[in-house]
Amino acid sequence: MATDPIPVSTGKVMLHPALLSPGQRRKAFRAKGTIPSVECWVDPELHTGPCRAESPEERAAREDVARDLCGSCPARRLCADYARRACPDSGVWAGMTPDEIHRVPEAQVA
């Protein structure tokens, strides 16, 4: 698996799958055939964070809800693979924060 950041971006900022267009999702997930449906597309701010500052308590609560939603997402493994390649610095990806992405073994992401 590649470890380079993938090229789906706007400038230098990597995009969360919630913000990707269908074509960008196909490219990011290297999908052939059906494009994976991502649960975070329904409420991107839940996974990427609000435009305004949030308290640590608000952030923790938002991330807990995002983790729950990720738990049932059919693209969870693809999202985790994407996050490992993209090396994000914010957001919730496959139920993990950027600090957790490389600490959680791939086998634990089902």
Protein backbone atom coordinates (compact mmCIF):
# COMPACT_ATOMS: atom_id res chain seq x y z
CA MET A 1 0.00 0.00 0.00
CA ALA A 2 1.29 3.47 -0.84
CA THR A 3 2.25 5.77 2.01
CA ASP A 4 2.41 8.96 -0.05
CA PRO A 5 -0.32 11.55 0.43
CA ILE A 6 -2.86 11.02 -2.31
CA PRO A 7 -3.40 13.82 -4.83
CA VAL A 8 -7.08 14.59 -4.08
CA SER A 9 -6.73 18.05 -2.63
CA THR A 10 -7.39 21.73 -2.94
CA GLY A 11 -3.96 23.31 -2.85
CA LYS A 12 -2.14 21.69 0.06
CA VAL A 13 -5.23 20.71 2.07
CA MET A 14 -6.32 17.08 1.89
CA LEU A 15 -10.08 16.69 1.77
CA HIS A 16 -12.12 14.53 4.10
CA PRO A 17 -14.24 11.94 2.21
CA ALA A 18 -17.33 13.86 3.38
CA LEU A 19 -16.27 16.75 1.16
CA LEU A 20 -15.26 14.79 -1.93
CA SER A 21 -17.30 14.78 -5.12
CA PRO A 22 -18.22 11.36 -6.54
CA GLY A 23 -15.33 11.58 -9.00
CA GLN A 24 -12.90 12.53 -6.26
CA ARG A 25 -14.20 9.66 -4.08
CA ARG A 26 -13.61 7.22 -6.95
CA LYS A 27 -10.04 8.50 -7.30
CA ALA A 28 -9.33 8.68 -3.56
CA PHE A 29 -10.66 5.20 -2.83
CA ARG A 30 -9.22 3.92 -6.11
CA ALA A 31 -12.67 2.47 -6.70
CA LYS A 32 -13.53 0.37 -9.68
CA GLY A 33 -17.23 0.00 -10.40
CA THR A 34 -19.59 1.33 -7.75
CA ILE A 35 -18.36 4.37 -5.84
CA PRO A 36 -18.45 3.71 -2.09
CA SER A 37 -21.23 5.50 -0.24
CA VAL A 38 -19.85 7.46 2.68
CA GLU A 39 -22.04 8.05 5.72
CA CYS A 40 -20.22 11.29 6.58
CA TRP A 41 -21.52 12.89 3.39
CA VAL A 42 -24.86 13.47 5.15
CA ASP A 43 -23.32 15.88 7.71
CA PRO A 44 -19.72 16.73 6.75
CA GLU A 45 -19.27 19.20 9.62
CA LEU A 46 -19.79 16.36 12.09
CA HIS A 47 -16.57 14.75 10.80
CA THR A 48 -14.54 17.77 9.73
CA GLY A 49 -15.49 20.16 12.54
CA PRO A 50 -17.33 23.47 12.46
CA CYS A 51 -16.00 26.66 10.91
CA ARG A 52 -16.14 28.30 14.35
CA ALA A 53 -14.05 27.47 17.41
CA GLU A 54 -15.44 24.73 19.63
CA SER A 55 -14.75 23.92 23.26
CA PRO A 56 -12.92 20.70 24.14
CA GLU A 57 -16.23 19.32 25.46
CA GLU A 58 -18.07 20.20 22.23
CA ARG A 59 -15.30 18.65 20.15
CA ALA A 60 -15.30 15.44 22.21
CA ALA A 61 -19.09 15.13 21.91
CA ARG A 62 -19.00 15.77 18.14
CA GLU A 63 -16.21 13.24 17.65
CA ASP A 64 -18.12 10.61 19.68
CA VAL A 65 -21.17 11.00 17.42
CA ALA A 66 -18.95 10.87 14.32
CA ARG A 67 -17.28 7.68 15.58
CA ASP A 68 -20.70 6.06 16.08
CA LEU A 69 -21.74 6.96 12.54
CA CYS A 70 -18.46 5.63 11.14
CA GLY A 71 -19.06 2.31 12.88
CA SER A 72 -21.82 1.39 10.45
CA CYS A 73 -20.37 3.00 7.31
CA PRO A 74 -19.88 0.60 4.38
CA ALA A 75 -16.76 2.52 3.32
CA ARG A 76 -15.06 2.39 6.72
CA ARG A 77 -12.11 0.22 5.66
CA LEU A 78 -11.59 2.28 2.49
CA CYS A 79 -11.75 5.46 4.56
CA ALA A 80 -9.15 4.11 7.00
CA ASP A 81 -6.85 3.17 4.10
CA TYR A 82 -7.38 6.63 2.61
CA ALA A 83 -6.60 8.30 5.95
CA ARG A 84 -3.41 6.29 6.36
CA ARG A 85 -2.27 7.52 2.93
CA ALA A 86 -3.49 11.11 3.33
CA CYS A 87 -2.04 11.64 6.84
CA PRO A 88 -4.76 14.15 7.89
CA ASP A 89 -4.24 16.65 10.67
CA SER A 90 -7.91 17.04 11.63
CA GLY A 91 -11.31 15.38 11.42
CA VAL A 92 -12.70 11.93 12.16
CA TRP A 93 -11.75 9.29 9.62
CA ALA A 94 -13.16 5.75 9.81
CA GLY A 95 -14.00 6.47 13.44
CA MET A 96 -10.49 7.66 14.28
CA THR A 97 -8.86 11.02 14.92
CA PRO A 98 -5.57 11.81 13.17
CA ASP A 99 -3.66 10.88 16.35
CA GLU A 100 -5.27 7.43 16.34
CA ILE A 101 -5.01 6.60 12.64
CA HIS A 102 -1.53 5.11 12.71
CA ARG A 103 -1.82 3.71 16.25
CA VAL A 104 -4.84 1.50 15.48
CA PRO A 105 -3.77 -1.68 13.66
CA GLU A 106 -5.35 -2.19 10.24
CA ALA A 107 -6.84 -5.48 11.42
CA GLN A 108 -8.97 -3.62 13.98
CA VAL A 109 -10.75 -1.57 11.29
CA ALA A 110 -13.55 -3.79 10.06
